[in-house]
Amino acid sequence: MQHWELLLFFLLIAFLYASVGFGGGSSYLAILALYALPFKELRLIALIGNIIVVSGGVYIYVKNKQVNWKKIVPFVLLSIPMAYLGAIVRISQHTFFVILGCSLVIAAILLWIKTGPATIDQLNEPKRHAFLKNSTLGGSIGFLSGMVGIGGGIFLSPVLNLMKWDLPKKIAATASVFILVNSISGIAGQLTGLPENINYSRIGLLCVAVLIGGQAGSRMAIKFNPLIIRRMTAVLVCSAGVNVLVKHFPLFFEQLF
């Protein structure tokens, strides 16, 4: 395998993201984009990494009874089929990277915004049309996630915090489940159009790295300040997004005209 430093990058990213309930797909993509790998392989690696990282987190959240399945269902009901549809959409490589870059910058802004935890009164307020709104939100993020190759938790979690949807740990648990099901659905969609020259040995080694990092991060989450972790993630994601846009937007523009 060339570029052995990728193993260290992936281990650290998995550790950081798992500590706040994310899978790391957005940053895996951003790092891999610097190495000029085929973009279809990038999406596959990112989604497999997501599944490995958040599976451990979901297990811990379920074990600690932090997962409210009744409240999660509306989000995943549409996100699963929409993630599949997003994954089978045919887009050019430059279009993919522009969408990825824009997604990373928007995610960074959402992650940076500080929100206070929801109060008991806010949690008990009746939510009008909550099922429809949550399903629409989940479906929209799911489609974007499938197209780009991320789990979508990096969008869902900040939005739910802004909405005062639930307590921070419940939101992190919801984001983990959301990432897991969307990543599985996205991979299912990608299987319909994978190239033949995929480097499976590279994928296997990177999976080992994210397994180690993700397991460590999900178990040490309580020892870190969530706001600091989120803002460190925001800086990483934003810088990666800007770098991707600077590199690919001129080529995307030429492609249009």
C-alpha atoms as a PDB file:
ATOM      1  CA  MET A   1       0.000   0.000   0.000  1.00  0.00           C
ATOM      2  CA  GLN A   2       1.277   3.482  -0.889  1.00  0.00           C
ATOM      3  CA  HIS A   3       0.854   6.414   1.483  1.00  0.00           C
ATOM      4  CA  TRP A   4       1.049   4.568   4.791  1.00  0.00           C
ATOM      5  CA  GLU A   5       0.415   7.866   6.587  1.00  0.00           C
ATOM      6  CA  LEU A   6      -3.241   7.431   5.634  1.00  0.00           C
ATOM      7  CA  LEU A   7      -3.524   4.770   8.333  1.00  0.00           C
ATOM      8  CA  LEU A   8      -2.539   7.283  11.018  1.00  0.00           C
ATOM      9  CA  PHE A   9      -4.851   9.952   9.596  1.00  0.00           C
ATOM     10  CA  PHE A  10      -7.785   7.547   9.545  1.00  0.00           C
ATOM     11  CA  LEU A  11      -7.098   6.288  13.073  1.00  0.00           C
ATOM     12  CA  LEU A  12      -7.006   9.842  14.458  1.00  0.00           C
ATOM     13  CA  ILE A  13     -10.103  10.940  12.530  1.00  0.00           C
ATOM     14  CA  ALA A  14     -12.057   7.896  13.694  1.00  0.00           C
ATOM     15  CA  PHE A  15     -10.993   8.565  17.286  1.00  0.00           C
ATOM     16  CA  LEU A  16     -12.034  12.224  17.116  1.00  0.00           C
ATOM     17  CA  TYR A  17     -15.365  11.669  15.380  1.00  0.00           C
ATOM     18  CA  ALA A  18     -16.374   8.650  17.465  1.00  0.00           C
ATOM     19  CA  SER A  19     -15.955  10.740  20.617  1.00  0.00           C
ATOM     20  CA  VAL A  20     -18.833  13.001  19.484  1.00  0.00           C
ATOM     21  CA  GLY A  21     -21.007  10.321  17.904  1.00  0.00           C
ATOM     22  CA  PHE A  22     -19.986  10.762  14.248  1.00  0.00           C
ATOM     23  CA  GLY A  23     -18.480   8.300  11.779  1.00  0.00           C
ATOM     24  CA  GLY A  24     -15.857  10.518  10.142  1.00  0.00           C
ATOM     25  CA  GLY A  25     -16.933   9.933   6.544  1.00  0.00           C
ATOM     26  CA  SER A  26     -16.656  13.595   5.593  1.00  0.00           C
ATOM     27  CA  SER A  27     -13.047  13.858   6.723  1.00  0.00           C
ATOM     28  CA  TYR A  28     -12.074  10.476   5.252  1.00  0.00           C
ATOM     29  CA  LEU A  29     -13.292  11.813   1.922  1.00  0.00           C
ATOM     30  CA  ALA A  30     -11.465  15.097   2.337  1.00  0.00           C
ATOM     31  CA  ILE A  31      -8.172  13.380   3.179  1.00  0.00           C
ATOM     32  CA  LEU A  32      -8.495  10.850   0.359  1.00  0.00           C
ATOM     33  CA  ALA A  33      -9.329  13.621  -2.106  1.00  0.00           C
ATOM     34  CA  LEU A  34      -5.796  14.932  -1.646  1.00  0.00           C
ATOM     35  CA  TYR A  35      -4.403  11.666  -3.025  1.00  0.00           C
ATOM     36  CA  ALA A  36      -6.258  11.702  -6.363  1.00  0.00           C
ATOM     37  CA  LEU A  37      -7.932   8.333  -5.826  1.00  0.00           C
ATOM     38  CA  PRO A  38     -10.995   7.359  -7.931  1.00  0.00           C
ATOM     39  CA  PHE A  39     -13.964   9.159  -6.412  1.00  0.00           C
ATOM     40  CA  LYS A  40     -16.187   6.056  -6.417  1.00  0.00           C
ATOM     41  CA  GLU A  41     -13.604   4.269  -4.314  1.00  0.00           C
ATOM     42  CA  LEU A  42     -13.441   7.278  -1.982  1.00  0.00           C
ATOM     43  CA  ARG A  43     -17.163   7.080  -1.270  1.00  0.00           C
ATOM     44  CA  LEU A  44     -16.992   3.344  -0.617  1.00  0.00           C
ATOM     45  CA  ILE A  45     -14.084   3.717   1.829  1.00  0.00           C
ATOM     46  CA  ALA A  46     -15.821   6.549   3.675  1.00  0.00           C
ATOM     47  CA  LEU A  47     -19.076   4.641   4.117  1.00  0.00           C
ATOM     48  CA  ILE A  48     -17.375   1.433   5.244  1.00  0.00           C
ATOM     49  CA  GLY A  49     -15.357   3.494   7.726  1.00  0.00           C
ATOM     50  CA  ASN A  50     -18.572   5.063   8.990  1.00  0.00           C
ATOM     51  CA  ILE A  51     -20.146   1.669   9.623  1.00  0.00           C
ATOM     52  CA  ILE A  52     -17.121   0.389  11.517  1.00  0.00           C
ATOM     53  CA  VAL A  53     -16.859   3.480  13.719  1.00  0.00           C
ATOM     54  CA  VAL A  54     -20.501   4.087  14.580  1.00  0.00           C
ATOM     55  CA  SER A  55     -21.361   0.409  15.105  1.00  0.00           C
ATOM     56  CA  GLY A  56     -19.385   0.478  18.341  1.00  0.00           C
ATOM     57  CA  GLY A  57     -20.987   3.765  19.335  1.00  0.00           C
ATOM     58  CA  VAL A  58     -24.504   2.532  18.593  1.00  0.00           C
ATOM     59  CA  TYR A  59     -23.863  -0.584  20.697  1.00  0.00           C
ATOM     60  CA  ILE A  60     -22.759   1.546  23.648  1.00  0.00           C
ATOM     61  CA  TYR A  61     -25.685   3.975  23.278  1.00  0.00           C
ATOM     62  CA  VAL A  62     -28.192   1.095  23.124  1.00  0.00           C
ATOM     63  CA  LYS A  63     -26.560  -0.593  26.095  1.00  0.00           C
ATOM     64  CA  ASN A  64     -26.812   2.644  28.095  1.00  0.00           C
ATOM     65  CA  LYS A  65     -30.439   3.140  26.972  1.00  0.00           C
ATOM     66  CA  GLN A  66     -29.716   6.414  25.177  1.00  0.00           C
ATOM     67  CA  VAL A  67     -31.505   5.411  21.952  1.00  0.00           C
ATOM     68  CA  ASN A  68     -35.174   6.414  21.649  1.00  0.00           C
ATOM     69  CA  TRP A  69     -36.288   4.241  18.736  1.00  0.00           C
ATOM     70  CA  LYS A  70     -39.729   5.835  18.571  1.00  0.00           C
ATOM     71  CA  LYS A  71     -38.217   9.272  17.934  1.00  0.00           C
ATOM     72  CA  ILE A  72     -35.583   7.957  15.521  1.00  0.00           C
ATOM     73  CA  VAL A  73     -37.986   6.164  13.144  1.00  0.00           C
ATOM     74  CA  PRO A  74     -39.254   9.343  11.382  1.00  0.00           C
ATOM     75  CA  PHE A  75     -35.695  10.327  10.436  1.00  0.00           C
ATOM     76  CA  VAL A  76     -34.663   6.960   9.014  1.00  0.00           C
ATOM     77  CA  LEU A  77     -37.970   6.141   7.344  1.00  0.00           C
ATOM     78  CA  LEU A  78     -37.145   8.286   4.303  1.00  0.00           C
ATOM     79  CA  SER A  79     -33.389   8.605   4.756  1.00  0.00           C
ATOM     80  CA  ILE A  80     -32.724   4.925   3.987  1.00  0.00           C
ATOM     81  CA  PRO A  81     -34.332   4.866   0.508  1.00  0.00           C
ATOM     82  CA  MET A  82     -33.128   8.408  -0.242  1.00  0.00           C
ATOM     83  CA  ALA A  83     -29.534   7.497   0.632  1.00  0.00           C
ATOM     84  CA  TYR A  84     -29.802   4.596  -1.787  1.00  0.00           C
ATOM     85  CA  LEU A  85     -31.163   6.865  -4.531  1.00  0.00           C
ATOM     86  CA  GLY A  86     -28.445   9.434  -3.879  1.00  0.00           C
ATOM     87  CA  ALA A  87     -25.790   6.739  -4.218  1.00  0.00           C
ATOM     88  CA  ILE A  88     -27.018   5.596  -7.639  1.00  0.00           C
ATOM     89  CA  VAL A  89     -27.186   9.124  -9.105  1.00  0.00           C
ATOM     90  CA  ARG A  90     -24.591   9.426 -11.850  1.00  0.00           C
ATOM     91  CA  ILE A  91     -22.423  12.527 -11.442  1.00  0.00           C
ATOM     92  CA  SER A  92     -19.027  13.497 -12.813  1.00  0.00           C
ATOM     93  CA  GLN A  93     -15.936  13.529 -10.637  1.00  0.00           C
ATOM     94  CA  HIS A  94     -15.658  17.333 -10.558  1.00  0.00           C
ATOM     95  CA  THR A  95     -19.364  17.692  -9.710  1.00  0.00           C
ATOM     96  CA  PHE A  96     -18.881  15.221  -6.875  1.00  0.00           C
ATOM     97  CA  PHE A  97     -15.976  17.148  -5.383  1.00  0.00           C
ATOM     98  CA  VAL A  98     -17.784  20.508  -5.625  1.00  0.00           C
ATOM     99  CA  ILE A  99     -20.817  19.051  -3.826  1.00  0.00           C
ATOM    100  CA  LEU A 100     -18.478  17.514  -1.251  1.00  0.00           C
ATOM    101  CA  GLY A 101     -16.618  20.782  -0.692  1.00  0.00           C
ATOM    102  CA  CYS A 102     -19.827  22.779  -0.244  1.00  0.00           C
ATOM    103  CA  SER A 103     -21.190  20.102   2.109  1.00  0.00           C
ATOM    104  CA  LEU A 104     -18.076  20.219   4.267  1.00  0.00           C
ATOM    105  CA  VAL A 105     -18.140  24.003   4.603  1.00  0.00           C
ATOM    106  CA  ILE A 106     -21.848  24.016   5.540  1.00  0.00           C
ATOM    107  CA  ALA A 107     -21.270  21.208   8.038  1.00  0.00           C
ATOM    108  CA  ALA A 108     -18.398  23.138   9.598  1.00  0.00           C
ATOM    109  CA  ILE A 109     -20.610  26.197  10.116  1.00  0.00           C
ATOM    110  CA  LEU A 110     -23.310  24.064  11.754  1.00  0.00           C
ATOM    111  CA  LEU A 111     -20.760  22.358  13.981  1.00  0.00           C
ATOM    112  CA  TRP A 112     -19.247  25.672  15.125  1.00  0.00           C
ATOM    113  CA  ILE A 113     -22.531  27.203  16.284  1.00  0.00           C
ATOM    114  CA  LYS A 114     -22.870  26.850  20.038  1.00  0.00           C
ATOM    115  CA  THR A 115     -26.283  25.865  21.362  1.00  0.00           C
ATOM    116  CA  GLY A 116     -27.420  25.337  24.915  1.00  0.00           C
ATOM    117  CA  PRO A 117     -29.037  22.042  25.921  1.00  0.00           C
ATOM    118  CA  ALA A 118     -32.802  21.738  25.691  1.00  0.00           C
ATOM    119  CA  THR A 119     -34.746  22.387  28.894  1.00  0.00           C
ATOM    120  CA  ILE A 120     -37.382  20.065  30.310  1.00  0.00           C
ATOM    121  CA  ASP A 121     -40.112  22.522  29.253  1.00  0.00           C
ATOM    122  CA  GLN A 122     -38.794  22.595  25.684  1.00  0.00           C
ATOM    123  CA  LEU A 123     -38.689  18.798  25.535  1.00  0.00           C
ATOM    124  CA  ASN A 124     -42.280  18.596  26.777  1.00  0.00           C
ATOM    125  CA  GLU A 125     -43.632  21.160  24.314  1.00  0.00           C
ATOM    126  CA  PRO A 126     -46.043  19.619  21.783  1.00  0.00           C
ATOM    127  CA  LYS A 127     -44.368  19.377  18.362  1.00  0.00           C
ATOM    128  CA  ARG A 128     -46.829  20.116  15.558  1.00  0.00           C
ATOM    129  CA  HIS A 129     -46.305  18.090  12.389  1.00  0.00           C
ATOM    130  CA  ALA A 130     -43.140  16.642  13.959  1.00  0.00           C
ATOM    131  CA  PHE A 131     -43.318  13.345  12.070  1.00  0.00           C
ATOM    132  CA  LEU A 132     -43.574  15.037   8.669  1.00  0.00           C
ATOM    133  CA  LYS A 133     -40.828  17.570   9.421  1.00  0.00           C
ATOM    134  CA  ASN A 134     -38.455  14.973  10.814  1.00  0.00           C
ATOM    135  CA  SER A 135     -39.064  12.614   7.886  1.00  0.00           C
ATOM    136  CA  THR A 136     -38.444  15.405   5.371  1.00  0.00           C
ATOM    137  CA  LEU A 137     -35.268  16.445   7.172  1.00  0.00           C
ATOM    138  CA  GLY A 138     -34.029  12.857   7.353  1.00  0.00           C
ATOM    139  CA  GLY A 139     -34.833  12.176   3.699  1.00  0.00           C
ATOM    140  CA  SER A 140     -33.092  15.338   2.474  1.00  0.00           C
ATOM    141  CA  ILE A 141     -29.932  14.650   4.453  1.00  0.00           C
ATOM    142  CA  GLY A 142     -30.082  10.995   3.427  1.00  0.00           C
ATOM    143  CA  PHE A 143     -30.112  11.842  -0.285  1.00  0.00           C
ATOM    144  CA  LEU A 144     -27.140  14.192   0.064  1.00  0.00           C
ATOM    145  CA  SER A 145     -25.335  11.613   2.174  1.00  0.00           C
ATOM    146  CA  GLY A 146     -25.793   8.875  -0.409  1.00  0.00           C
ATOM    147  CA  MET A 147     -24.616  11.121  -3.230  1.00  0.00           C
ATOM    148  CA  VAL A 148     -21.506  12.348  -1.431  1.00  0.00           C
ATOM    149  CA  GLY A 149     -20.634   9.218   0.566  1.00  0.00           C
ATOM    150  CA  ILE A 150     -21.125  10.331   4.167  1.00  0.00           C
ATOM    151  CA  GLY A 151     -23.515   9.148   6.842  1.00  0.00           C
ATOM    152  CA  GLY A 152     -25.213  12.504   7.360  1.00  0.00           C
ATOM    153  CA  GLY A 153     -24.823  12.734  11.128  1.00  0.00           C
ATOM    154  CA  ILE A 154     -22.520  15.706  10.733  1.00  0.00           C
ATOM    155  CA  PHE A 155     -25.576  17.608   9.408  1.00  0.00           C
ATOM    156  CA  LEU A 156     -28.304  16.011  11.502  1.00  0.00           C
ATOM    157  CA  SER A 157     -26.674  16.436  14.904  1.00  0.00           C
ATOM    158  CA  PRO A 158     -26.120  20.237  14.731  1.00  0.00           C
ATOM    159  CA  VAL A 159     -29.614  20.781  13.296  1.00  0.00           C
ATOM    160  CA  LEU A 160     -31.224  18.762  16.089  1.00  0.00           C
ATOM    161  CA  ASN A 161     -29.252  20.743  18.656  1.00  0.00           C
ATOM    162  CA  LEU A 162     -30.487  23.992  17.111  1.00  0.00           C
ATOM    163  CA  MET A 163     -34.053  22.625  17.199  1.00  0.00           C
ATOM    164  CA  LYS A 164     -33.690  21.697  20.911  1.00  0.00           C
ATOM    165  CA  TRP A 165     -34.893  18.274  19.814  1.00  0.00           C
ATOM    166  CA  ASP A 166     -33.562  16.377  22.827  1.00  0.00           C
ATOM    167  CA  LEU A 167     -30.704  16.150  25.301  1.00  0.00           C
ATOM    168  CA  PRO A 168     -27.163  16.142  23.808  1.00  0.00           C
ATOM    169  CA  LYS A 169     -26.505  12.441  24.505  1.00  0.00           C
ATOM    170  CA  LYS A 170     -29.823  11.436  22.929  1.00  0.00           C
ATOM    171  CA  ILE A 171     -28.983  13.529  19.861  1.00  0.00           C
ATOM    172  CA  ALA A 172     -25.539  11.927  19.602  1.00  0.00           C
ATOM    173  CA  ALA A 173     -27.160   8.489  19.838  1.00  0.00           C
ATOM    174  CA  THR A 174     -29.687   9.417  17.142  1.00  0.00           C
ATOM    175  CA  ALA A 175     -26.916  10.701  14.861  1.00  0.00           C
ATOM    176  CA  SER A 176     -24.993   7.452  15.289  1.00  0.00           C
ATOM    177  CA  VAL A 177     -27.985   5.312  14.314  1.00  0.00           C
ATOM    178  CA  PHE A 178     -28.710   7.676  11.398  1.00  0.00           C
ATOM    179  CA  ILE A 179     -25.127   7.385  10.132  1.00  0.00           C
ATOM    180  CA  LEU A 180     -25.184   3.602  10.415  1.00  0.00           C
ATOM    181  CA  VAL A 181     -28.377   3.003   8.415  1.00  0.00           C
ATOM    182  CA  ASN A 182     -27.541   5.635   5.779  1.00  0.00           C
ATOM    183  CA  SER A 183     -24.046   4.252   5.275  1.00  0.00           C
ATOM    184  CA  ILE A 184     -25.388   0.728   4.758  1.00  0.00           C
ATOM    185  CA  SER A 185     -28.012   2.045   2.323  1.00  0.00           C
ATOM    186  CA  GLY A 186     -25.416   4.150   0.499  1.00  0.00           C
ATOM    187  CA  ILE A 187     -23.114   1.163   0.030  1.00  0.00           C
ATOM    188  CA  ALA A 188     -26.043  -0.864  -1.333  1.00  0.00           C
ATOM    189  CA  GLY A 189     -26.590   1.861  -3.924  1.00  0.00           C
ATOM    190  CA  GLN A 190     -22.916   2.065  -4.828  1.00  0.00           C
ATOM    191  CA  LEU A 191     -22.692  -1.671  -5.474  1.00  0.00           C
ATOM    192  CA  THR A 192     -24.673  -1.093  -8.672  1.00  0.00           C
ATOM    193  CA  GLY A 193     -21.829   0.881 -10.244  1.00  0.00           C
ATOM    194  CA  LEU A 194     -18.466   0.073  -8.677  1.00  0.00           C
ATOM    195  CA  PRO A 195     -15.401   0.097 -10.958  1.00  0.00           C
ATOM    196  CA  GLU A 196     -13.379  -3.097 -11.371  1.00  0.00           C
ATOM    197  CA  ASN A 197     -10.041  -1.631 -10.309  1.00  0.00           C
ATOM    198  CA  ILE A 198     -10.871  -1.047  -6.619  1.00  0.00           C
ATOM    199  CA  ASN A 199      -7.907  -1.589  -4.299  1.00  0.00           C
ATOM    200  CA  TYR A 200      -9.426  -3.908  -1.677  1.00  0.00           C
ATOM    201  CA  SER A 201      -6.172  -4.337   0.258  1.00  0.00           C
ATOM    202  CA  ARG A 202      -6.046  -0.571   0.845  1.00  0.00           C
ATOM    203  CA  ILE A 203      -9.671  -0.607   1.984  1.00  0.00           C
ATOM    204  CA  GLY A 204      -8.928  -3.472   4.394  1.00  0.00           C
ATOM    205  CA  LEU A 205      -5.965  -1.705   6.020  1.00  0.00           C
ATOM    206  CA  LEU A 206      -7.878   1.544   6.406  1.00  0.00           C
ATOM    207  CA  CYS A 207     -10.763  -0.376   7.988  1.00  0.00           C
ATOM    208  CA  VAL A 208      -8.406  -1.756  10.634  1.00  0.00           C
ATOM    209  CA  ALA A 209      -7.218   1.778  11.401  1.00  0.00           C
ATOM    210  CA  VAL A 210     -10.733   3.183  11.840  1.00  0.00           C
ATOM    211  CA  LEU A 211     -11.742   0.166  13.933  1.00  0.00           C
ATOM    212  CA  ILE A 212      -8.975   0.882  16.439  1.00  0.00           C
ATOM    213  CA  GLY A 213      -9.589   4.640  16.467  1.00  0.00           C
ATOM    214  CA  GLY A 214     -13.362   4.344  16.595  1.00  0.00           C
ATOM    215  CA  GLN A 215     -13.409   1.868  19.468  1.00  0.00           C
ATOM    216  CA  ALA A 216     -11.058   4.063  21.499  1.00  0.00           C
ATOM    217  CA  GLY A 217     -12.962   7.275  20.733  1.00  0.00           C
ATOM    218  CA  SER A 218     -16.433   5.938  21.518  1.00  0.00           C
ATOM    219  CA  ARG A 219     -15.267   4.637  24.900  1.00  0.00           C
ATOM    220  CA  MET A 220     -13.483   7.835  25.909  1.00  0.00           C
ATOM    221  CA  ALA A 221     -16.207  10.284  24.878  1.00  0.00           C
ATOM    222  CA  ILE A 222     -17.120  11.163  28.461  1.00  0.00           C
ATOM    223  CA  LYS A 223     -13.583  12.422  29.128  1.00  0.00           C
ATOM    224  CA  PHE A 224     -13.643  15.185  26.503  1.00  0.00           C
ATOM    225  CA  ASN A 225     -15.363  18.563  26.304  1.00  0.00           C
ATOM    226  CA  PRO A 226     -17.954  18.067  23.505  1.00  0.00           C
ATOM    227  CA  LEU A 227     -17.815  21.729  22.402  1.00  0.00           C
ATOM    228  CA  ILE A 228     -14.032  21.649  21.979  1.00  0.00           C
ATOM    229  CA  ILE A 229     -14.232  18.398  20.017  1.00  0.00           C
ATOM    230  CA  ARG A 230     -17.006  19.766  17.801  1.00  0.00           C
ATOM    231  CA  ARG A 231     -15.065  22.946  17.033  1.00  0.00           C
ATOM    232  CA  MET A 232     -11.858  21.059  16.332  1.00  0.00           C
ATOM    233  CA  THR A 233     -13.901  18.938  13.946  1.00  0.00           C
ATOM    234  CA  ALA A 234     -15.393  22.094  12.403  1.00  0.00           C
ATOM    235  CA  VAL A 235     -11.931  23.535  11.697  1.00  0.00           C
ATOM    236  CA  LEU A 236     -10.763  20.253  10.157  1.00  0.00           C
ATOM    237  CA  VAL A 237     -13.884  19.892   8.015  1.00  0.00           C
ATOM    238  CA  CYS A 238     -13.895  23.527   6.876  1.00  0.00           C
ATOM    239  CA  SER A 239     -10.231  23.543   5.861  1.00  0.00           C
ATOM    240  CA  ALA A 240     -10.720  20.310   3.947  1.00  0.00           C
ATOM    241  CA  GLY A 241     -13.853  21.649   2.250  1.00  0.00           C
ATOM    242  CA  VAL A 242     -12.168  24.867   1.147  1.00  0.00           C
ATOM    243  CA  ASN A 243      -9.177  22.915  -0.175  1.00  0.00           C
ATOM    244  CA  VAL A 244     -11.448  20.637  -2.221  1.00  0.00           C
ATOM    245  CA  LEU A 245     -13.352  23.614  -3.659  1.00  0.00           C
ATOM    246  CA  VAL A 246     -10.195  25.527  -4.568  1.00  0.00           C
ATOM    247  CA  LYS A 247      -8.882  22.492  -6.407  1.00  0.00           C
ATOM    248  CA  HIS A 248     -12.032  21.354  -8.209  1.00  0.00           C
ATOM    249  CA  PHE A 249     -14.367  24.335  -8.673  1.00  0.00           C
ATOM    250  CA  PRO A 250     -12.447  25.853 -11.641  1.00  0.00           C
ATOM    251  CA  LEU A 251     -12.561  22.460 -13.399  1.00  0.00           C
ATOM    252  CA  PHE A 252     -16.250  22.112 -12.581  1.00  0.00           C
ATOM    253  CA  PHE A 253     -16.878  25.581 -14.040  1.00  0.00           C
ATOM    254  CA  GLU A 254     -15.001  24.678 -17.229  1.00  0.00           C
ATOM    255  CA  GLN A 255     -17.068  21.497 -17.447  1.00  0.00           C
ATOM    256  CA  LEU A 256     -20.276  23.545 -17.436  1.00  0.00           C
ATOM    257  CA  PHE A 257     -19.181  25.953 -20.139  1.00  0.00           C
END
